[in-house]
Amino acid sequence: MPTPFIPFTMRATVREDHKRSFRTDIERLTGGHRAWAPLDVVKSTDTQALLRGAIAQSVHTATDESLARYLQDRLVVDNDIHLDLTVCIGR
């Protein structure tokens, strides 16, 4: 049986110590092949970006907060991207 994908929106906010790389980090998020959570930019400024995506249902998709923590950690480990994330899971 196929794994259901959960849609979500994500607000990425720049961290003070990573302001210079924010735009590049957003481009890396949306430009690269990220099979575990493909992302599209809805709107972006110099300090925030609103993105939408989908991720396979798992323990990480139980709450908005758990998904935000998971994505934040995964971005650091996989891509050395440091952002503050707020996530809203589509219900």
Protein backbone atom coordinates (compact mmCIF):
# COMPACT_ATOMS: atom_id res chain seq x y z
CA MET A 1 0.00 0.00 0.00
CA PRO A 2 1.43 3.43 -0.93
CA THR A 3 2.48 5.81 1.82
CA PRO A 4 0.22 8.87 2.01
CA PHE A 5 1.89 12.25 1.62
CA ILE A 6 0.94 15.07 3.96
CA PRO A 7 0.81 18.61 2.51
CA PHE A 8 2.21 21.45 4.61
CA THR A 9 3.18 25.10 4.48
CA MET A 10 6.36 26.30 6.08
CA ARG A 11 7.57 29.74 7.07
CA ALA A 12 11.35 29.97 7.09
CA THR A 13 12.84 32.89 8.99
CA VAL A 14 16.46 33.99 8.76
CA ARG A 15 18.69 33.57 11.79
CA GLU A 16 20.80 36.59 12.74
CA ASP A 17 24.07 34.77 12.19
CA HIS A 18 22.99 33.48 8.73
CA LYS A 19 21.56 36.62 7.10
CA ARG A 20 24.12 36.63 4.29
CA SER A 21 23.18 33.13 3.11
CA PHE A 22 19.38 33.33 3.48
CA ARG A 23 18.49 33.88 -0.19
CA THR A 24 20.96 31.24 -1.31
CA ASP A 25 19.62 28.78 1.27
CA ILE A 26 16.05 29.28 0.01
CA GLU A 27 17.21 28.71 -3.56
CA ARG A 28 19.01 25.55 -2.46
CA LEU A 29 15.84 24.32 -0.73
CA THR A 30 13.70 24.68 -3.80
CA GLY A 31 16.26 24.05 -6.52
CA GLY A 32 17.67 20.76 -5.31
CA HIS A 33 16.15 17.32 -5.60
CA ARG A 34 14.74 16.60 -2.17
CA ALA A 35 12.68 13.43 -2.52
CA TRP A 36 11.80 13.36 1.16
CA ALA A 37 10.07 16.77 1.02
CA PRO A 38 9.86 18.66 -2.29
CA LEU A 39 9.33 22.40 -1.71
CA ASP A 40 8.01 25.37 -3.72
CA VAL A 41 8.32 29.04 -2.78
CA VAL A 42 5.00 30.85 -2.38
CA LYS A 43 6.50 34.18 -1.32
CA SER A 44 9.94 35.35 -0.24
CA THR A 45 11.56 38.46 1.23
CA ASP A 46 15.06 39.13 2.53
CA THR A 47 14.18 37.74 5.97
CA GLN A 48 11.31 35.26 5.48
CA ALA A 49 10.03 32.77 2.96
CA LEU A 50 6.70 30.98 2.74
CA LEU A 51 7.03 27.56 1.15
CA ARG A 52 4.69 24.66 0.49
CA GLY A 53 5.54 21.01 0.25
CA ALA A 54 4.54 17.47 1.05
CA ILE A 55 6.16 14.75 3.11
CA ALA A 56 5.45 11.08 3.67
CA GLN A 57 3.26 10.45 6.69
CA SER A 58 5.32 9.35 9.70
CA VAL A 59 5.80 10.01 13.40
CA HIS A 60 7.19 13.42 12.41
CA THR A 61 3.86 14.50 10.91
CA ALA A 62 1.88 14.04 14.15
CA THR A 63 1.96 17.77 14.99
CA ASP A 64 3.05 21.04 13.40
CA GLU A 65 5.82 21.38 15.99
CA SER A 66 7.21 17.87 15.49
CA LEU A 67 7.36 18.36 11.72
CA ALA A 68 9.07 21.76 12.14
CA ARG A 69 11.71 20.20 14.43
CA TYR A 70 12.26 17.31 12.03
CA LEU A 71 12.63 19.56 8.97
CA GLN A 72 14.89 22.00 10.80
CA ASP A 73 17.17 19.17 11.94
CA ARG A 74 17.16 17.49 8.53
CA LEU A 75 18.10 20.72 6.73
CA VAL A 76 21.08 21.24 9.03
CA VAL A 77 22.34 17.66 8.72
CA ASP A 78 21.74 17.23 4.97
CA ASN A 79 22.53 20.72 3.67
CA ASP A 80 24.02 22.83 6.48
CA ILE A 81 21.02 25.16 6.17
CA HIS A 82 20.15 26.97 9.41
CA LEU A 83 16.63 28.46 9.48
CA ASP A 84 13.92 28.97 12.05
CA LEU A 85 10.83 27.11 10.82
CA THR A 86 7.14 27.30 11.56
CA VAL A 87 5.03 24.60 9.93
CA CYS A 88 1.30 24.21 9.36
CA ILE A 89 0.25 20.71 8.30
CA GLY A 90 -2.66 20.51 5.86
CA ARG A 91 -5.46 18.62 7.53
